[in-house]
Amino acid sequence: MNGPFLRENQDLEVTTVDTVACPSCGQESEVQWRTTMDSTSGPVEHVKIRCLTGHAFFLPTSCLSDG
């Protein structure tokens, strides 16, 4: 299928979307970016997520469940 920005001979890069459950409503949420922040116990990975209903969070990955 060709959209307005695709050319027939253009190579397309396949990307995967990392998803998790929204902590507020439980719906599928997209991980928009990840970063590591220092803490007194060592580095902690954090993510920014947004769900289909518009909830947005920035929180440690340890607070997430699979989508």
C-alpha atoms as a PDB file:
ATOM      1  CA  MET A   1       0.000   0.000   0.000  1.00  0.00           C
ATOM      2  CA  ASN A   2       1.408   3.397  -0.944  1.00  0.00           C
ATOM      3  CA  GLY A   3       0.622   6.511   1.062  1.00  0.00           C
ATOM      4  CA  PRO A   4       1.200  10.079  -0.021  1.00  0.00           C
ATOM      5  CA  PHE A   5       4.790  10.035   1.297  1.00  0.00           C
ATOM      6  CA  LEU A   6       5.916   6.642  -0.038  1.00  0.00           C
ATOM      7  CA  ARG A   7       7.528   5.894  -3.386  1.00  0.00           C
ATOM      8  CA  GLU A   8       7.203   2.472  -4.993  1.00  0.00           C
ATOM      9  CA  ASN A   9      10.971   1.837  -5.089  1.00  0.00           C
ATOM     10  CA  GLN A  10      11.688   3.272  -1.645  1.00  0.00           C
ATOM     11  CA  ASP A  11      13.190   0.881   0.908  1.00  0.00           C
ATOM     12  CA  LEU A  12      11.132   0.903   4.080  1.00  0.00           C
ATOM     13  CA  GLU A  13      12.662   0.453   7.502  1.00  0.00           C
ATOM     14  CA  VAL A  14      10.640  -1.838   9.718  1.00  0.00           C
ATOM     15  CA  THR A  15      10.332  -0.570  13.272  1.00  0.00           C
ATOM     16  CA  THR A  16       8.621  -2.089  16.248  1.00  0.00           C
ATOM     17  CA  VAL A  17       6.589  -0.163  18.782  1.00  0.00           C
ATOM     18  CA  ASP A  18       7.218  -0.954  22.423  1.00  0.00           C
ATOM     19  CA  THR A  19       3.893  -1.083  24.278  1.00  0.00           C
ATOM     20  CA  VAL A  20       2.887  -1.425  27.919  1.00  0.00           C
ATOM     21  CA  ALA A  21      -0.375  -1.183  29.850  1.00  0.00           C
ATOM     22  CA  CYS A  22      -1.446   2.319  30.941  1.00  0.00           C
ATOM     23  CA  PRO A  23      -1.114   2.621  34.744  1.00  0.00           C
ATOM     24  CA  SER A  24      -4.362   4.634  34.843  1.00  0.00           C
ATOM     25  CA  CYS A  25      -6.798   2.849  32.525  1.00  0.00           C
ATOM     26  CA  GLY A  26      -5.014  -0.369  31.524  1.00  0.00           C
ATOM     27  CA  GLN A  27      -5.221   0.330  27.775  1.00  0.00           C
ATOM     28  CA  GLU A  28      -2.269  -0.194  25.449  1.00  0.00           C
ATOM     29  CA  SER A  29       0.310   2.595  25.740  1.00  0.00           C
ATOM     30  CA  GLU A  30       3.218   3.447  23.462  1.00  0.00           C
ATOM     31  CA  VAL A  31       6.668   3.914  24.987  1.00  0.00           C
ATOM     32  CA  GLN A  32       7.739   7.243  23.488  1.00  0.00           C
ATOM     33  CA  TRP A  33      11.280   7.288  24.902  1.00  0.00           C
ATOM     34  CA  ARG A  34      13.524   5.786  27.561  1.00  0.00           C
ATOM     35  CA  THR A  35      16.274   7.232  29.719  1.00  0.00           C
ATOM     36  CA  THR A  36      18.360   6.235  32.719  1.00  0.00           C
ATOM     37  CA  MET A  37      18.445   8.445  35.803  1.00  0.00           C
ATOM     38  CA  ASP A  38      20.872   8.212  38.706  1.00  0.00           C
ATOM     39  CA  SER A  39      19.594   7.370  42.172  1.00  0.00           C
ATOM     40  CA  THR A  40      21.148   6.611  45.532  1.00  0.00           C
ATOM     41  CA  SER A  41      20.689   2.900  44.723  1.00  0.00           C
ATOM     42  CA  GLY A  42      22.270   3.183  41.257  1.00  0.00           C
ATOM     43  CA  PRO A  43      20.869   3.915  37.773  1.00  0.00           C
ATOM     44  CA  VAL A  44      17.107   3.501  37.245  1.00  0.00           C
ATOM     45  CA  GLU A  45      15.528   3.200  33.780  1.00  0.00           C
ATOM     46  CA  HIS A  46      12.536   5.526  33.209  1.00  0.00           C
ATOM     47  CA  VAL A  47      10.085   5.748  30.307  1.00  0.00           C
ATOM     48  CA  LYS A  48       7.670   8.299  28.895  1.00  0.00           C
ATOM     49  CA  ILE A  49       4.433   6.626  27.783  1.00  0.00           C
ATOM     50  CA  ARG A  50       1.138   7.764  26.270  1.00  0.00           C
ATOM     51  CA  CYS A  51      -2.031   5.685  25.926  1.00  0.00           C
ATOM     52  CA  LEU A  52      -4.779   5.844  23.310  1.00  0.00           C
ATOM     53  CA  THR A  53      -7.065   7.784  25.670  1.00  0.00           C
ATOM     54  CA  GLY A  54      -4.438  10.509  26.193  1.00  0.00           C
ATOM     55  CA  HIS A  55      -2.936   9.644  29.581  1.00  0.00           C
ATOM     56  CA  ALA A  56       0.794  10.415  29.699  1.00  0.00           C
ATOM     57  CA  PHE A  57       3.336   9.323  32.301  1.00  0.00           C
ATOM     58  CA  PHE A  58       7.057   9.538  33.012  1.00  0.00           C
ATOM     59  CA  LEU A  59       7.931   6.772  35.460  1.00  0.00           C
ATOM     60  CA  PRO A  60      10.401   4.003  36.315  1.00  0.00           C
ATOM     61  CA  THR A  61      10.082   0.881  34.182  1.00  0.00           C
ATOM     62  CA  SER A  62       9.661  -1.119  37.395  1.00  0.00           C
ATOM     63  CA  CYS A  63       6.169   0.443  37.713  1.00  0.00           C
ATOM     64  CA  LEU A  64       5.002  -0.926  34.332  1.00  0.00           C
ATOM     65  CA  SER A  65       3.267  -4.097  33.197  1.00  0.00           C
ATOM     66  CA  ASP A  66       3.255  -5.587  29.675  1.00  0.00           C
ATOM     67  CA  GLY A  67       0.640  -4.244  27.234  1.00  0.00           C
END
